[in-house]
Amino acid sequence: MEAGDPKRDITGIYYITPVVGAKEAARKINPDVANNPLIFPTKEMLDNVHLFDPAALHNEKYQNTWNNLAF
């Protein structure tokens, strides 16, 4: 794992990683990345996440409702 820093032109991770222990590894490499809540969200942030149910993709009622939304 490479913890990056775009402000210093260092490539690396810029997404929420599901890997257990990644934050601790990032802390050793680059503490700023380990403390970035956009890469490692806080518990409070994760408590407000709503997961999409992939089974909904095969639900006819859901598909009809989605397709009939007016944007």
PDB file of N, CA and C in Angstrom:
ATOM      1  N   MET A   1       0.840  -1.178   0.000  1.00  0.00           N
ATOM      2  CA  MET A   1       0.000   0.000   0.000  1.00  0.00           C
ATOM      3  C   MET A   1       0.880   1.232   0.000  1.00  0.00           C
ATOM      4  N   GLU A   2       0.477   2.183  -0.795  1.00  0.00           N
ATOM      5  CA  GLU A   2       1.207   3.442  -0.837  1.00  0.00           C
ATOM      6  C   GLU A   2       0.233   4.555  -0.470  1.00  0.00           C
ATOM      7  N   ALA A   3       0.534   5.252   0.600  1.00  0.00           N
ATOM      8  CA  ALA A   3      -0.309   6.375   1.021  1.00  0.00           C
ATOM      9  C   ALA A   3       0.235   7.637   0.365  1.00  0.00           C
ATOM     10  N   GLY A   4      -0.553   8.224  -0.496  1.00  0.00           N
ATOM     11  CA  GLY A   4      -0.089   9.364  -1.278  1.00  0.00           C
ATOM     12  C   GLY A   4      -0.430  10.704  -0.667  1.00  0.00           C
ATOM     13  N   ASP A   5       0.027  11.738  -1.336  1.00  0.00           N
ATOM     14  CA  ASP A   5      -0.240  13.116  -0.935  1.00  0.00           C
ATOM     15  C   ASP A   5      -0.233  13.972  -2.197  1.00  0.00           C
ATOM     16  N   PRO A   6      -1.435  14.303  -2.715  1.00  0.00           N
ATOM     17  CA  PRO A   6      -1.476  15.051  -3.975  1.00  0.00           C
ATOM     18  C   PRO A   6      -0.866  16.445  -3.869  1.00  0.00           C
ATOM     19  N   LYS A   7      -0.845  17.021  -2.685  1.00  0.00           N
ATOM     20  CA  LYS A   7      -0.257  18.358  -2.520  1.00  0.00           C
ATOM     21  C   LYS A   7       1.248  18.333  -2.710  1.00  0.00           C
ATOM     22  N   ARG A   8       1.850  17.174  -2.471  1.00  0.00           N
ATOM     23  CA  ARG A   8       3.295  17.026  -2.651  1.00  0.00           C
ATOM     24  C   ARG A   8       3.620  16.151  -3.853  1.00  0.00           C
ATOM     25  N   ASP A   9       2.605  15.908  -4.711  1.00  0.00           N
ATOM     26  CA  ASP A   9       2.764  15.112  -5.924  1.00  0.00           C
ATOM     27  C   ASP A   9       3.273  13.702  -5.633  1.00  0.00           C
ATOM     28  N   ILE A  10       2.733  13.100  -4.572  1.00  0.00           N
ATOM     29  CA  ILE A  10       3.068  11.721  -4.223  1.00  0.00           C
ATOM     30  C   ILE A  10       1.840  10.873  -4.535  1.00  0.00           C
ATOM     31  N   THR A  11       1.985   9.907  -5.435  1.00  0.00           N
ATOM     32  CA  THR A  11       0.847   9.065  -5.793  1.00  0.00           C
ATOM     33  C   THR A  11       0.554   8.080  -4.678  1.00  0.00           C
ATOM     34  N   GLY A  12      -0.677   7.597  -4.650  1.00  0.00           N
ATOM     35  CA  GLY A  12      -1.037   6.622  -3.637  1.00  0.00           C
ATOM     36  C   GLY A  12      -2.534   6.432  -3.552  1.00  0.00           C
ATOM     37  N   ILE A  13      -3.009   6.024  -2.383  1.00  0.00           N
ATOM     38  CA  ILE A  13      -4.432   5.751  -2.214  1.00  0.00           C
ATOM     39  C   ILE A  13      -5.203   7.044  -1.984  1.00  0.00           C
ATOM     40  N   TYR A  14      -6.303   7.171  -2.695  1.00  0.00           N
ATOM     41  CA  TYR A  14      -7.182   8.327  -2.557  1.00  0.00           C
ATOM     42  C   TYR A  14      -8.629   7.850  -2.561  1.00  0.00           C
ATOM     43  N   TYR A  15      -8.885   6.747  -1.920  1.00  0.00           N
ATOM     44  CA  TYR A  15     -10.224   6.186  -1.854  1.00  0.00           C
ATOM     45  C   TYR A  15     -10.373   5.489  -0.514  1.00  0.00           C
ATOM     46  N   ILE A  16     -11.611   5.215  -0.130  1.00  0.00           N
ATOM     47  CA  ILE A  16     -11.854   4.497   1.121  1.00  0.00           C
ATOM     48  C   ILE A  16     -11.471   3.046   0.892  1.00  0.00           C
ATOM     49  N   THR A  17     -10.501   2.586   1.632  1.00  0.00           N
ATOM     50  CA  THR A  17     -10.015   1.226   1.451  1.00  0.00           C
ATOM     51  C   THR A  17     -10.680   0.275   2.446  1.00  0.00           C
ATOM     52  N   PRO A  18     -11.124  -0.899   1.988  1.00  0.00           N
ATOM     53  CA  PRO A  18     -11.743  -1.867   2.888  1.00  0.00           C
ATOM     54  C   PRO A  18     -10.726  -2.770   3.596  1.00  0.00           C
ATOM     55  N   VAL A  19      -9.451  -2.565   3.359  1.00  0.00           N
ATOM     56  CA  VAL A  19      -8.419  -3.446   3.883  1.00  0.00           C
ATOM     57  C   VAL A  19      -8.221  -3.203   5.378  1.00  0.00           C
ATOM     58  N   VAL A  20      -8.400  -4.265   6.163  1.00  0.00           N
ATOM     59  CA  VAL A  20      -8.194  -4.175   7.602  1.00  0.00           C
ATOM     60  C   VAL A  20      -6.713  -3.885   7.865  1.00  0.00           C
ATOM     61  N   GLY A  21      -6.447  -2.904   8.700  1.00  0.00           N
ATOM     62  CA  GLY A  21      -5.078  -2.554   9.047  1.00  0.00           C
ATOM     63  C   GLY A  21      -4.455  -1.506   8.143  1.00  0.00           C
ATOM     64  N   ALA A  22      -5.182  -1.078   7.116  1.00  0.00           N
ATOM     65  CA  ALA A  22      -4.624  -0.099   6.173  1.00  0.00           C
ATOM     66  C   ALA A  22      -4.333   1.232   6.855  1.00  0.00           C
ATOM     67  N   LYS A  23      -5.211   1.651   7.754  1.00  0.00           N
ATOM     68  CA  LYS A  23      -4.999   2.936   8.423  1.00  0.00           C
ATOM     69  C   LYS A  23      -3.720   2.905   9.265  1.00  0.00           C
ATOM     70  N   GLU A  24      -3.514   1.804   9.959  1.00  0.00           N
ATOM     71  CA  GLU A  24      -2.303   1.678  10.781  1.00  0.00           C
ATOM     72  C   GLU A  24      -1.052   1.671   9.902  1.00  0.00           C
ATOM     73  N   ALA A  25      -1.127   1.000   8.755  1.00  0.00           N
ATOM     74  CA  ALA A  25       0.010   0.989   7.830  1.00  0.00           C
ATOM     75  C   ALA A  25       0.242   2.384   7.269  1.00  0.00           C
ATOM     76  N   ALA A  26      -0.837   3.075   6.909  1.00  0.00           N
ATOM     77  CA  ALA A  26      -0.705   4.435   6.371  1.00  0.00           C
ATOM     78  C   ALA A  26      -0.121   5.375   7.419  1.00  0.00           C
ATOM     79  N   ARG A  27      -0.486   5.177   8.667  1.00  0.00           N
ATOM     80  CA  ARG A  27       0.025   6.029   9.740  1.00  0.00           C
ATOM     81  C   ARG A  27       1.562   5.966   9.800  1.00  0.00           C
ATOM     82  N   LYS A  28       2.129   4.805   9.512  1.00  0.00           N
ATOM     83  CA  LYS A  28       3.586   4.644   9.519  1.00  0.00           C
ATOM     84  C   LYS A  28       4.226   5.318   8.304  1.00  0.00           C
ATOM     85  N   ILE A  29       3.509   5.287   7.175  1.00  0.00           N
ATOM     86  CA  ILE A  29       4.047   5.835   5.935  1.00  0.00           C
ATOM     87  C   ILE A  29       3.833   7.337   5.850  1.00  0.00           C
ATOM     88  N   ASN A  30       2.584   7.761   6.143  1.00  0.00           N
ATOM     89  CA  ASN A  30       2.225   9.167   6.001  1.00  0.00           C
ATOM     90  C   ASN A  30       1.054   9.471   6.936  1.00  0.00           C
ATOM     91  N   PRO A  31       1.331   9.981   8.124  1.00  0.00           N
ATOM     92  CA  PRO A  31       0.276  10.241   9.111  1.00  0.00           C
ATOM     93  C   PRO A  31      -0.832  11.160   8.595  1.00  0.00           C
ATOM     94  N   ASP A  32      -0.513  12.087   7.709  1.00  0.00           N
ATOM     95  CA  ASP A  32      -1.539  12.974   7.169  1.00  0.00           C
ATOM     96  C   ASP A  32      -2.606  12.192   6.409  1.00  0.00           C
ATOM     97  N   VAL A  33      -2.190  11.186   5.671  1.00  0.00           N
ATOM     98  CA  VAL A  33      -3.135  10.353   4.934  1.00  0.00           C
ATOM     99  C   VAL A  33      -3.966   9.529   5.910  1.00  0.00           C
ATOM    100  N   ALA A  34      -3.332   8.968   6.922  1.00  0.00           N
ATOM    101  CA  ALA A  34      -4.052   8.164   7.907  1.00  0.00           C
ATOM    102  C   ALA A  34      -5.106   8.985   8.634  1.00  0.00           C
ATOM    103  N   ASN A  35      -4.886  10.281   8.760  1.00  0.00           N
ATOM    104  CA  ASN A  35      -5.831  11.150   9.451  1.00  0.00           C
ATOM    105  C   ASN A  35      -6.814  11.830   8.510  1.00  0.00           C
ATOM    106  N   ASN A  36      -6.772  11.494   7.229  1.00  0.00           N
ATOM    107  CA  ASN A  36      -7.669  12.094   6.253  1.00  0.00           C
ATOM    108  C   ASN A  36      -9.006  11.346   6.270  1.00  0.00           C
ATOM    109  N   PRO A  37     -10.088  12.002   6.717  1.00  0.00           N
ATOM    110  CA  PRO A  37     -11.376  11.304   6.803  1.00  0.00           C
ATOM    111  C   PRO A  37     -11.987  10.972   5.439  1.00  0.00           C
ATOM    112  N   LEU A  38     -11.457  11.531   4.352  1.00  0.00           N
ATOM    113  CA  LEU A  38     -11.944  11.159   3.035  1.00  0.00           C
ATOM    114  C   LEU A  38     -11.382   9.809   2.594  1.00  0.00           C
ATOM    115  N   ILE A  39     -10.295   9.384   3.223  1.00  0.00           N
ATOM    116  CA  ILE A  39      -9.699   8.078   2.930  1.00  0.00           C
ATOM    117  C   ILE A  39     -10.055   7.084   4.032  1.00  0.00           C
ATOM    118  N   PHE A  40     -10.011   7.547   5.262  1.00  0.00           N
ATOM    119  CA  PHE A  40     -10.369   6.716   6.416  1.00  0.00           C
ATOM    120  C   PHE A  40     -11.467   7.440   7.191  1.00  0.00           C
ATOM    121  N   PRO A  41     -12.726   7.243   6.796  1.00  0.00           N
ATOM    122  CA  PRO A  41     -13.836   7.956   7.432  1.00  0.00           C
ATOM    123  C   PRO A  41     -13.934   7.654   8.925  1.00  0.00           C
ATOM    124  N   THR A  42     -14.454   8.632   9.653  1.00  0.00           N
ATOM    125  CA  THR A  42     -14.659   8.452  11.092  1.00  0.00           C
ATOM    126  C   THR A  42     -15.844   7.509  11.316  1.00  0.00           C
ATOM    127  N   LYS A  43     -15.962   6.996  12.528  1.00  0.00           N
ATOM    128  CA  LYS A  43     -17.101   6.139  12.863  1.00  0.00           C
ATOM    129  C   LYS A  43     -18.401   6.895  12.663  1.00  0.00           C
ATOM    130  N   GLU A  44     -18.414   8.162  13.037  1.00  0.00           N
ATOM    131  CA  GLU A  44     -19.625   8.972  12.873  1.00  0.00           C
ATOM    132  C   GLU A  44     -20.025   9.075  11.396  1.00  0.00           C
ATOM    133  N   MET A  45     -19.036   9.223  10.531  1.00  0.00           N
ATOM    134  CA  MET A  45     -19.325   9.295   9.100  1.00  0.00           C
ATOM    135  C   MET A  45     -19.886   7.957   8.604  1.00  0.00           C
ATOM    136  N   LEU A  46     -19.255   6.869   9.014  1.00  0.00           N
ATOM    137  CA  LEU A  46     -19.694   5.552   8.562  1.00  0.00           C
ATOM    138  C   LEU A  46     -21.075   5.194   9.109  1.00  0.00           C
ATOM    139  N   ASP A  47     -21.407   5.712  10.292  1.00  0.00           N
ATOM    140  CA  ASP A  47     -22.731   5.458  10.863  1.00  0.00           C
ATOM    141  C   ASP A  47     -23.843   6.087  10.026  1.00  0.00           C
ATOM    142  N   ASN A  48     -23.501   7.061   9.185  1.00  0.00           N
ATOM    143  CA  ASN A  48     -24.489   7.740   8.350  1.00  0.00           C
ATOM    144  C   ASN A  48     -24.487   7.263   6.905  1.00  0.00           C
ATOM    145  N   VAL A  49     -23.709   6.223   6.616  1.00  0.00           N
ATOM    146  CA  VAL A  49     -23.630   5.689   5.260  1.00  0.00           C
ATOM    147  C   VAL A  49     -24.853   4.809   4.997  1.00  0.00           C
ATOM    148  N   HIS A  50     -25.403   4.937   3.813  1.00  0.00           N
ATOM    149  CA  HIS A  50     -26.516   4.088   3.399  1.00  0.00           C
ATOM    150  C   HIS A  50     -26.023   3.213   2.253  1.00  0.00           C
ATOM    151  N   LEU A  51     -25.996   1.914   2.496  1.00  0.00           N
ATOM    152  CA  LEU A  51     -25.504   0.990   1.486  1.00  0.00           C
ATOM    153  C   LEU A  51     -26.595   0.691   0.469  1.00  0.00           C
ATOM    154  N   PHE A  52     -26.199   0.605  -0.776  1.00  0.00           N
ATOM    155  CA  PHE A  52     -27.109   0.269  -1.852  1.00  0.00           C
ATOM    156  C   PHE A  52     -27.271  -1.238  -1.903  1.00  0.00           C
ATOM    157  N   ASP A  53     -28.485  -1.691  -1.997  1.00  0.00           N
ATOM    158  CA  ASP A  53     -28.771  -3.121  -2.078  1.00  0.00           C
ATOM    159  C   ASP A  53     -28.668  -3.572  -3.536  1.00  0.00           C
ATOM    160  N   PRO A  54     -27.641  -4.351  -3.900  1.00  0.00           N
ATOM    161  CA  PRO A  54     -27.492  -4.761  -5.291  1.00  0.00           C
ATOM    162  C   PRO A  54     -28.665  -5.599  -5.790  1.00  0.00           C
ATOM    163  N   ALA A  55     -29.409  -6.225  -4.884  1.00  0.00           N
ATOM    164  CA  ALA A  55     -30.577  -7.012  -5.307  1.00  0.00           C
ATOM    165  C   ALA A  55     -31.644  -6.107  -5.914  1.00  0.00           C
ATOM    166  N   ALA A  56     -31.605  -4.824  -5.566  1.00  0.00           N
ATOM    167  CA  ALA A  56     -32.587  -3.881  -6.105  1.00  0.00           C
ATOM    168  C   ALA A  56     -32.452  -3.745  -7.624  1.00  0.00           C
ATOM    169  N   LEU A  57     -31.297  -4.040  -8.137  1.00  0.00           N
ATOM    170  CA  LEU A  57     -31.099  -3.946  -9.586  1.00  0.00           C
ATOM    171  C   LEU A  57     -31.983  -4.924 -10.353  1.00  0.00           C
ATOM    172  N   HIS A  58     -32.423  -5.966  -9.674  1.00  0.00           N
ATOM    173  CA  HIS A  58     -33.265  -6.981 -10.314  1.00  0.00           C
ATOM    174  C   HIS A  58     -34.710  -6.894  -9.827  1.00  0.00           C
ATOM    175  N   ASN A  59     -35.040  -5.816  -9.130  1.00  0.00           N
ATOM    176  CA  ASN A  59     -36.379  -5.619  -8.593  1.00  0.00           C
ATOM    177  C   ASN A  59     -37.168  -4.743  -9.568  1.00  0.00           C
ATOM    178  N   GLU A  60     -38.220  -5.317 -10.156  1.00  0.00           N
ATOM    179  CA  GLU A  60     -38.981  -4.610 -11.189  1.00  0.00           C
ATOM    180  C   GLU A  60     -39.610  -3.320 -10.651  1.00  0.00           C
ATOM    181  N   LYS A  61     -40.121  -3.365  -9.431  1.00  0.00           N
ATOM    182  CA  LYS A  61     -40.731  -2.162  -8.846  1.00  0.00           C
ATOM    183  C   LYS A  61     -39.685  -1.045  -8.718  1.00  0.00           C
ATOM    184  N   TYR A  62     -38.513  -1.397  -8.232  1.00  0.00           N
ATOM    185  CA  TYR A  62     -37.423  -0.413  -8.105  1.00  0.00           C
ATOM    186  C   TYR A  62     -37.053   0.153  -9.471  1.00  0.00           C
ATOM    187  N   GLN A  63     -36.883  -0.717 -10.449  1.00  0.00           N
ATOM    188  CA  GLN A  63     -36.484  -0.272 -11.789  1.00  0.00           C
ATOM    189  C   GLN A  63     -37.520   0.679 -12.388  1.00  0.00           C
ATOM    190  N   ASN A  64     -38.803   0.339 -12.238  1.00  0.00           N
ATOM    191  CA  ASN A  64     -39.856   1.205 -12.773  1.00  0.00           C
ATOM    192  C   ASN A  64     -39.861   2.558 -12.070  1.00  0.00           C
ATOM    193  N   THR A  65     -39.712   2.539 -10.759  1.00  0.00           N
ATOM    194  CA  THR A  65     -39.692   3.796 -10.004  1.00  0.00           C
ATOM    195  C   THR A  65     -38.507   4.646 -10.445  1.00  0.00           C
ATOM    196  N   TRP A  66     -37.330   4.041 -10.538  1.00  0.00           N
ATOM    197  CA  TRP A  66     -36.118   4.768 -10.947  1.00  0.00           C
ATOM    198  C   TRP A  66     -36.272   5.343 -12.357  1.00  0.00           C
ATOM    199  N   ASN A  67     -36.751   4.525 -13.257  1.00  0.00           N
ATOM    200  CA  ASN A  67     -36.882   4.950 -14.648  1.00  0.00           C
ATOM    201  C   ASN A  67     -37.917   6.051 -14.839  1.00  0.00           C
ATOM    202  N   ASN A  68     -38.851   6.162 -13.910  1.00  0.00           N
ATOM    203  CA  ASN A  68     -39.900   7.171 -14.031  1.00  0.00           C
ATOM    204  C   ASN A  68     -39.617   8.445 -13.215  1.00  0.00           C
ATOM    205  N   LEU A  69     -38.435   8.540 -12.635  1.00  0.00           N
ATOM    206  CA  LEU A  69     -38.083   9.761 -11.913  1.00  0.00           C
ATOM    207  C   LEU A  69     -37.935  10.914 -12.901  1.00  0.00           C
ATOM    208  N   ALA A  70     -38.430  12.061 -12.494  1.00  0.00           N
ATOM    209  CA  ALA A  70     -38.279  13.254 -13.330  1.00  0.00           C
ATOM    210  C   ALA A  70     -37.092  14.051 -12.814  1.00  0.00           C
ATOM    211  N   PHE A  71     -36.120  14.271 -13.671  1.00  0.00           N
ATOM    212  CA  PHE A  71     -34.930  15.022 -13.262  1.00  0.00           C
ATOM    213  C   PHE A  71     -35.053  16.442 -13.705  1.00  0.00           C
TER     214      PHE A  71
END
